[in-house]
């Protein structure tokens, strides 16, 4: 089974306003989403706070790459 994730980003403010994570082990992703939303962290700032080692949290990097149009 794999995990699915999606971000909702306000186009004008570039703030993360929502996030959905579904799948096994996704609980570790919720805290970072909560901090980014409540703290109003711009997506471009969040880009620099992705864990550098391979964990499920690395999905943040993939989501932010997708948002930037990076493949």
PDB file of N, CA and C in Angstrom:
ATOM      1  N   UNK A   1       0.836  -1.174   0.000  1.00  0.00           N
ATOM      2  CA  UNK A   1       0.000   0.000   0.000  1.00  0.00           C
ATOM      3  C   UNK A   1       0.887   1.245   0.000  1.00  0.00           C
ATOM      4  N   UNK A   2       0.521   2.240  -0.745  1.00  0.00           N
ATOM      5  CA  UNK A   2       1.311   3.471  -0.827  1.00  0.00           C
ATOM      6  C   UNK A   2       0.541   4.642  -0.215  1.00  0.00           C
ATOM      7  N   UNK A   3       1.226   5.720   0.016  1.00  0.00           N
ATOM      8  CA  UNK A   3       0.617   6.918   0.583  1.00  0.00           C
ATOM      9  C   UNK A   3       0.296   7.904  -0.539  1.00  0.00           C
ATOM     10  N   UNK A   4      -0.727   8.693  -0.313  1.00  0.00           N
ATOM     11  CA  UNK A   4      -1.123   9.747  -1.236  1.00  0.00           C
ATOM     12  C   UNK A   4      -1.109  11.058  -0.464  1.00  0.00           C
ATOM     13  N   UNK A   5      -0.625  12.116  -1.094  1.00  0.00           N
ATOM     14  CA  UNK A   5      -0.544  13.414  -0.429  1.00  0.00           C
ATOM     15  C   UNK A   5      -0.885  14.524  -1.411  1.00  0.00           C
ATOM     16  N   UNK A   6      -1.474  15.579  -0.879  1.00  0.00           N
ATOM     17  CA  UNK A   6      -1.807  16.732  -1.704  1.00  0.00           C
ATOM     18  C   UNK A   6      -1.753  17.982  -0.831  1.00  0.00           C
ATOM     19  N   UNK A   7      -1.237  19.069  -1.389  1.00  0.00           N
ATOM     20  CA  UNK A   7      -1.182  20.350  -0.700  1.00  0.00           C
ATOM     21  C   UNK A   7      -2.159  21.320  -1.341  1.00  0.00           C
ATOM     22  N   UNK A   8      -2.697  22.236  -0.535  1.00  0.00           N
ATOM     23  CA  UNK A   8      -3.527  23.332  -1.031  1.00  0.00           C
ATOM     24  C   UNK A   8      -2.777  24.612  -0.697  1.00  0.00           C
ATOM     25  N   UNK A   9      -2.383  25.338  -1.736  1.00  0.00           N
ATOM     26  CA  UNK A   9      -1.564  26.543  -1.574  1.00  0.00           C
ATOM     27  C   UNK A   9      -2.313  27.746  -2.130  1.00  0.00           C
ATOM     28  N   UNK A  10      -2.418  28.791  -1.330  1.00  0.00           N
ATOM     29  CA  UNK A  10      -3.043  30.023  -1.794  1.00  0.00           C
ATOM     30  C   UNK A  10      -2.124  30.665  -2.835  1.00  0.00           C
ATOM     31  N   UNK A  11      -2.635  30.866  -4.021  1.00  0.00           N
ATOM     32  CA  UNK A  11      -1.815  31.361  -5.137  1.00  0.00           C
ATOM     33  C   UNK A  11      -1.297  32.775  -4.897  1.00  0.00           C
ATOM     34  N   UNK A  12      -2.059  33.606  -4.207  1.00  0.00           N
ATOM     35  CA  UNK A  12      -1.639  34.994  -3.993  1.00  0.00           C
ATOM     36  C   UNK A  12      -0.622  35.120  -2.863  1.00  0.00           C
ATOM     37  N   UNK A  13      -0.915  34.507  -1.727  1.00  0.00           N
ATOM     38  CA  UNK A  13      -0.033  34.658  -0.565  1.00  0.00           C
ATOM     39  C   UNK A  13       1.090  33.635  -0.533  1.00  0.00           C
ATOM     40  N   UNK A  14       0.967  32.562  -1.339  1.00  0.00           N
ATOM     41  CA  UNK A  14       1.950  31.472  -1.379  1.00  0.00           C
ATOM     42  C   UNK A  14       2.028  30.759  -0.027  1.00  0.00           C
ATOM     43  N   UNK A  15       0.911  30.770   0.724  1.00  0.00           N
ATOM     44  CA  UNK A  15       0.845  30.086   2.006  1.00  0.00           C
ATOM     45  C   UNK A  15       0.142  28.751   1.844  1.00  0.00           C
ATOM     46  N   UNK A  16       0.593  27.775   2.595  1.00  0.00           N
ATOM     47  CA  UNK A  16      -0.070  26.487   2.659  1.00  0.00           C
ATOM     48  C   UNK A  16      -1.338  26.678   3.476  1.00  0.00           C
ATOM     49  N   UNK A  17      -2.489  26.338   2.902  1.00  0.00           N
ATOM     50  CA  UNK A  17      -3.758  26.510   3.608  1.00  0.00           C
ATOM     51  C   UNK A  17      -4.433  25.178   3.890  1.00  0.00           C
ATOM     52  N   UNK A  18      -3.901  24.096   3.344  1.00  0.00           N
ATOM     53  CA  UNK A  18      -4.458  22.779   3.608  1.00  0.00           C
ATOM     54  C   UNK A  18      -3.533  21.690   3.120  1.00  0.00           C
ATOM     55  N   UNK A  19      -3.731  20.499   3.678  1.00  0.00           N
ATOM     56  CA  UNK A  19      -2.925  19.347   3.276  1.00  0.00           C
ATOM     57  C   UNK A  19      -3.712  18.082   3.578  1.00  0.00           C
ATOM     58  N   UNK A  20      -3.591  17.097   2.700  1.00  0.00           N
ATOM     59  CA  UNK A  20      -4.240  15.810   2.885  1.00  0.00           C
ATOM     60  C   UNK A  20      -3.202  14.718   2.728  1.00  0.00           C
ATOM     61  N   UNK A  21      -3.181  13.783   3.667  1.00  0.00           N
ATOM     62  CA  UNK A  21      -2.277  12.640   3.630  1.00  0.00           C
ATOM     63  C   UNK A  21      -3.096  11.391   3.912  1.00  0.00           C
ATOM     64  N   UNK A  22      -2.974  10.390   3.052  1.00  0.00           N
ATOM     65  CA  UNK A  22      -3.707   9.142   3.223  1.00  0.00           C
ATOM     66  C   UNK A  22      -2.745   7.985   3.007  1.00  0.00           C
ATOM     67  N   UNK A  23      -2.708   7.047   3.943  1.00  0.00           N
ATOM     68  CA  UNK A  23      -1.879   5.870   3.784  1.00  0.00           C
ATOM     69  C   UNK A  23      -1.166   5.519   5.076  1.00  0.00           C
ATOM     70  N   UNK A  24      -0.446   4.408   5.051  1.00  0.00           N
ATOM     71  CA  UNK A  24       0.252   3.964   6.259  1.00  0.00           C
ATOM     72  C   UNK A  24       1.415   4.888   6.619  1.00  0.00           C
ATOM     73  N   UNK A  25       1.525   5.210   7.881  1.00  0.00           N
ATOM     74  CA  UNK A  25       2.663   5.988   8.359  1.00  0.00           C
ATOM     75  C   UNK A  25       2.593   7.472   8.093  1.00  0.00           C
ATOM     76  N   UNK A  26       1.471   7.984   7.612  1.00  0.00           N
ATOM     77  CA  UNK A  26       1.415   9.403   7.258  1.00  0.00           C
ATOM     78  C   UNK A  26       1.289  10.321   8.469  1.00  0.00           C
ATOM     79  N   UNK A  27       1.092   9.746   9.635  1.00  0.00           N
ATOM     80  CA  UNK A  27       0.972  10.563  10.842  1.00  0.00           C
ATOM     81  C   UNK A  27       2.162  11.461  11.067  1.00  0.00           C
ATOM     82  N   UNK A  28       3.357  11.017  10.656  1.00  0.00           N
ATOM     83  CA  UNK A  28       4.550  11.848  10.859  1.00  0.00           C
ATOM     84  C   UNK A  28       4.553  13.089   9.975  1.00  0.00           C
ATOM     85  N   UNK A  29       3.669  13.153   8.989  1.00  0.00           N
ATOM     86  CA  UNK A  29       3.603  14.322   8.101  1.00  0.00           C
ATOM     87  C   UNK A  29       2.687  15.416   8.653  1.00  0.00           C
ATOM     88  N   UNK A  30       1.790  15.063   9.543  1.00  0.00           N
ATOM     89  CA  UNK A  30       0.776  16.005  10.007  1.00  0.00           C
ATOM     90  C   UNK A  30       1.350  17.177  10.796  1.00  0.00           C
ATOM     91  N   UNK A  31       2.338  16.920  11.635  1.00  0.00           N
ATOM     92  CA  UNK A  31       2.884  17.985  12.465  1.00  0.00           C
ATOM     93  C   UNK A  31       3.499  19.094  11.611  1.00  0.00           C
ATOM     94  N   UNK A  32       4.264  18.729  10.606  1.00  0.00           N
ATOM     95  CA  UNK A  32       4.888  19.739   9.738  1.00  0.00           C
ATOM     96  C   UNK A  32       3.825  20.547   8.997  1.00  0.00           C
ATOM     97  N   UNK A  33       2.751  19.889   8.568  1.00  0.00           N
ATOM     98  CA  UNK A  33       1.668  20.610   7.885  1.00  0.00           C
ATOM     99  C   UNK A  33       0.989  21.575   8.843  1.00  0.00           C
ATOM    100  N   UNK A  34       0.741  21.130  10.059  1.00  0.00           N
ATOM    101  CA  UNK A  34       0.099  21.986  11.061  1.00  0.00           C
ATOM    102  C   UNK A  34       0.951  23.208  11.356  1.00  0.00           C
ATOM    103  N   UNK A  35       2.246  23.014  11.547  1.00  0.00           N
ATOM    104  CA  UNK A  35       3.154  24.144  11.822  1.00  0.00           C
ATOM    105  C   UNK A  35       3.162  25.122  10.646  1.00  0.00           C
ATOM    106  N   UNK A  36       3.227  24.597   9.426  1.00  0.00           N
ATOM    107  CA  UNK A  36       3.264  25.470   8.237  1.00  0.00           C
ATOM    108  C   UNK A  36       1.971  26.266   8.089  1.00  0.00           C
ATOM    109  N   UNK A  37       0.836  25.629   8.365  1.00  0.00           N
ATOM    110  CA  UNK A  37      -0.456  26.311   8.204  1.00  0.00           C
ATOM    111  C   UNK A  37      -0.671  27.330   9.322  1.00  0.00           C
ATOM    112  N   UNK A  38      -0.542  26.901  10.568  1.00  0.00           N
ATOM    113  CA  UNK A  38      -0.784  27.790  11.704  1.00  0.00           C
ATOM    114  C   UNK A  38       0.257  28.907  11.763  1.00  0.00           C
ATOM    115  N   UNK A  39       1.502  28.586  11.436  1.00  0.00           N
ATOM    116  CA  UNK A  39       2.570  29.579  11.452  1.00  0.00           C
ATOM    117  C   UNK A  39       2.638  30.435  10.207  1.00  0.00           C
ATOM    118  N   UNK A  40       1.754  30.171   9.260  1.00  0.00           N
ATOM    119  CA  UNK A  40       1.705  30.906   7.991  1.00  0.00           C
ATOM    120  C   UNK A  40       3.088  30.973   7.334  1.00  0.00           C
ATOM    121  N   UNK A  41       3.701  29.807   7.210  1.00  0.00           N
ATOM    122  CA  UNK A  41       5.027  29.703   6.600  1.00  0.00           C
ATOM    123  C   UNK A  41       4.868  29.673   5.083  1.00  0.00           C
ATOM    124  N   UNK A  42       5.467  30.611   4.355  1.00  0.00           N
ATOM    125  CA  UNK A  42       5.383  30.596   2.899  1.00  0.00           C
ATOM    126  C   UNK A  42       5.975  29.304   2.319  1.00  0.00           C
ATOM    127  N   UNK A  43       5.394  28.838   1.234  1.00  0.00           N
ATOM    128  CA  UNK A  43       5.849  27.602   0.597  1.00  0.00           C
ATOM    129  C   UNK A  43       7.332  27.697   0.238  1.00  0.00           C
ATOM    130  N   UNK A  44       7.762  28.861  -0.208  1.00  0.00           N
ATOM    131  CA  UNK A  44       9.163  29.014  -0.597  1.00  0.00           C
ATOM    132  C   UNK A  44      10.101  28.882   0.605  1.00  0.00           C
ATOM    133  N   UNK A  45       9.636  29.217   1.797  1.00  0.00           N
ATOM    134  CA  UNK A  45      10.419  29.021   3.011  1.00  0.00           C
ATOM    135  C   UNK A  45      10.387  27.560   3.420  1.00  0.00           C
ATOM    136  N   UNK A  46       9.227  26.937   3.317  1.00  0.00           N
ATOM    137  CA  UNK A  46       9.076  25.518   3.677  1.00  0.00           C
ATOM    138  C   UNK A  46       9.990  24.646   2.827  1.00  0.00           C
ATOM    139  N   UNK A  47      10.272  25.072   1.621  1.00  0.00           N
ATOM    140  CA  UNK A  47      11.153  24.340   0.707  1.00  0.00           C
ATOM    141  C   UNK A  47      12.494  24.034   1.356  1.00  0.00           C
ATOM    142  N   UNK A  48      12.977  24.941   2.194  1.00  0.00           N
ATOM    143  CA  UNK A  48      14.295  24.795   2.815  1.00  0.00           C
ATOM    144  C   UNK A  48      14.268  23.984   4.109  1.00  0.00           C
ATOM    145  N   UNK A  49      13.109  23.468   4.484  1.00  0.00           N
ATOM    146  CA  UNK A  49      12.974  22.742   5.749  1.00  0.00           C
ATOM    147  C   UNK A  49      12.564  21.284   5.531  1.00  0.00           C
ATOM    148  N   UNK A  50      12.971  20.693   4.431  1.00  0.00           N
ATOM    149  CA  UNK A  50      12.650  19.297   4.132  1.00  0.00           C
ATOM    150  C   UNK A  50      13.755  18.404   4.683  1.00  0.00           C
ATOM    151  N   UNK A  51      13.386  17.326   5.392  1.00  0.00           N
ATOM    152  CA  UNK A  51      14.424  16.408   5.899  1.00  0.00           C
ATOM    153  C   UNK A  51      15.308  15.894   4.766  1.00  0.00           C
ATOM    154  N   UNK A  52      16.598  15.823   5.021  1.00  0.00           N
ATOM    155  CA  UNK A  52      17.542  15.424   3.966  1.00  0.00           C
ATOM    156  C   UNK A  52      17.772  13.929   3.893  1.00  0.00           C
ATOM    157  N   UNK A  53      17.203  13.165   4.807  1.00  0.00           N
ATOM    158  CA  UNK A  53      17.400  11.722   4.766  1.00  0.00           C
ATOM    159  C   UNK A  53      16.102  11.050   4.323  1.00  0.00           C
ATOM    160  N   UNK A  54      16.182   9.889   3.710  1.00  0.00           N
ATOM    161  CA  UNK A  54      14.980   9.248   3.171  1.00  0.00           C
ATOM    162  C   UNK A  54      14.052   8.720   4.270  1.00  0.00           C
ATOM    163  N   UNK A  55      12.961   9.402   4.446  1.00  0.00           N
ATOM    164  CA  UNK A  55      11.889   8.961   5.332  1.00  0.00           C
ATOM    165  C   UNK A  55      10.577   9.280   4.629  1.00  0.00           C
ATOM    166  N   UNK A  56       9.494   8.916   5.248  1.00  0.00           N
ATOM    167  CA  UNK A  56       8.197   9.276   4.679  1.00  0.00           C
ATOM    168  C   UNK A  56       8.068  10.795   4.584  1.00  0.00           C
ATOM    169  N   UNK A  57       8.728  11.516   5.509  1.00  0.00           N
ATOM    170  CA  UNK A  57       8.659  12.980   5.486  1.00  0.00           C
ATOM    171  C   UNK A  57       9.235  13.567   4.204  1.00  0.00           C
ATOM    172  N   UNK A  58      10.008  12.791   3.474  1.00  0.00           N
ATOM    173  CA  UNK A  58      10.563  13.276   2.213  1.00  0.00           C
ATOM    174  C   UNK A  58       9.464  13.556   1.184  1.00  0.00           C
ATOM    175  N   UNK A  59       8.249  13.084   1.449  1.00  0.00           N
ATOM    176  CA  UNK A  59       7.133  13.387   0.557  1.00  0.00           C
ATOM    177  C   UNK A  59       6.949  14.903   0.444  1.00  0.00           C
ATOM    178  N   UNK A  60       7.334  15.661   1.494  1.00  0.00           N
ATOM    179  CA  UNK A  60       7.260  17.118   1.410  1.00  0.00           C
ATOM    180  C   UNK A  60       8.073  17.645   0.233  1.00  0.00           C
ATOM    181  N   UNK A  61       9.256  17.091   0.036  1.00  0.00           N
ATOM    182  CA  UNK A  61      10.096  17.521  -1.077  1.00  0.00           C
ATOM    183  C   UNK A  61       9.393  17.252  -2.399  1.00  0.00           C
ATOM    184  N   UNK A  62       8.813  16.071  -2.537  1.00  0.00           N
ATOM    185  CA  UNK A  62       8.102  15.737  -3.782  1.00  0.00           C
ATOM    186  C   UNK A  62       6.917  16.673  -4.000  1.00  0.00           C
ATOM    187  N   UNK A  63       6.158  16.980  -2.953  1.00  0.00           N
ATOM    188  CA  UNK A  63       5.013  17.877  -3.083  1.00  0.00           C
ATOM    189  C   UNK A  63       5.448  19.281  -3.473  1.00  0.00           C
ATOM    190  N   UNK A  64       6.512  19.764  -2.848  1.00  0.00           N
ATOM    191  CA  UNK A  64       6.991  21.108  -3.173  1.00  0.00           C
ATOM    192  C   UNK A  64       7.598  21.166  -4.565  1.00  0.00           C
ATOM    193  N   UNK A  65       8.255  20.086  -4.986  1.00  0.00           N
ATOM    194  CA  UNK A  65       8.762  20.024  -6.372  1.00  0.00           C
ATOM    195  C   UNK A  65       7.606  20.073  -7.353  1.00  0.00           C
ATOM    196  N   UNK A  66       6.550  19.340  -7.042  1.00  0.00           N
ATOM    197  CA  UNK A  66       5.360  19.336  -7.905  1.00  0.00           C
ATOM    198  C   UNK A  66       4.767  20.725  -8.000  1.00  0.00           C
ATOM    199  N   UNK A  67       4.683  21.423  -6.875  1.00  0.00           N
ATOM    200  CA  UNK A  67       4.130  22.757  -6.850  1.00  0.00           C
ATOM    201  C   UNK A  67       4.977  23.724  -7.665  1.00  0.00           C
ATOM    202  N   UNK A  68       6.284  23.541  -7.649  1.00  0.00           N
ATOM    203  CA  UNK A  68       7.202  24.402  -8.405  1.00  0.00           C
ATOM    204  C   UNK A  68       7.293  24.016  -9.879  1.00  0.00           C
ATOM    205  N   UNK A  69       6.734  22.851 -10.227  1.00  0.00           N
ATOM    206  CA  UNK A  69       6.840  22.387 -11.600  1.00  0.00           C
ATOM    207  C   UNK A  69       8.162  21.703 -11.906  1.00  0.00           C
ATOM    208  N   UNK A  70       8.856  21.244 -10.847  1.00  0.00           N
ATOM    209  CA  UNK A  70      10.131  20.536 -10.993  1.00  0.00           C
ATOM    210  C   UNK A  70       9.837  19.061 -11.154  1.00  0.00           C
ATOM    211  N   UNK A  71      10.487  18.394 -12.110  1.00  0.00           N
ATOM    212  CA  UNK A  71      10.263  16.948 -12.251  1.00  0.00           C
ATOM    213  C   UNK A  71      11.491  16.169 -11.917  1.00  0.00           C
TER     214      UNK A  71
END
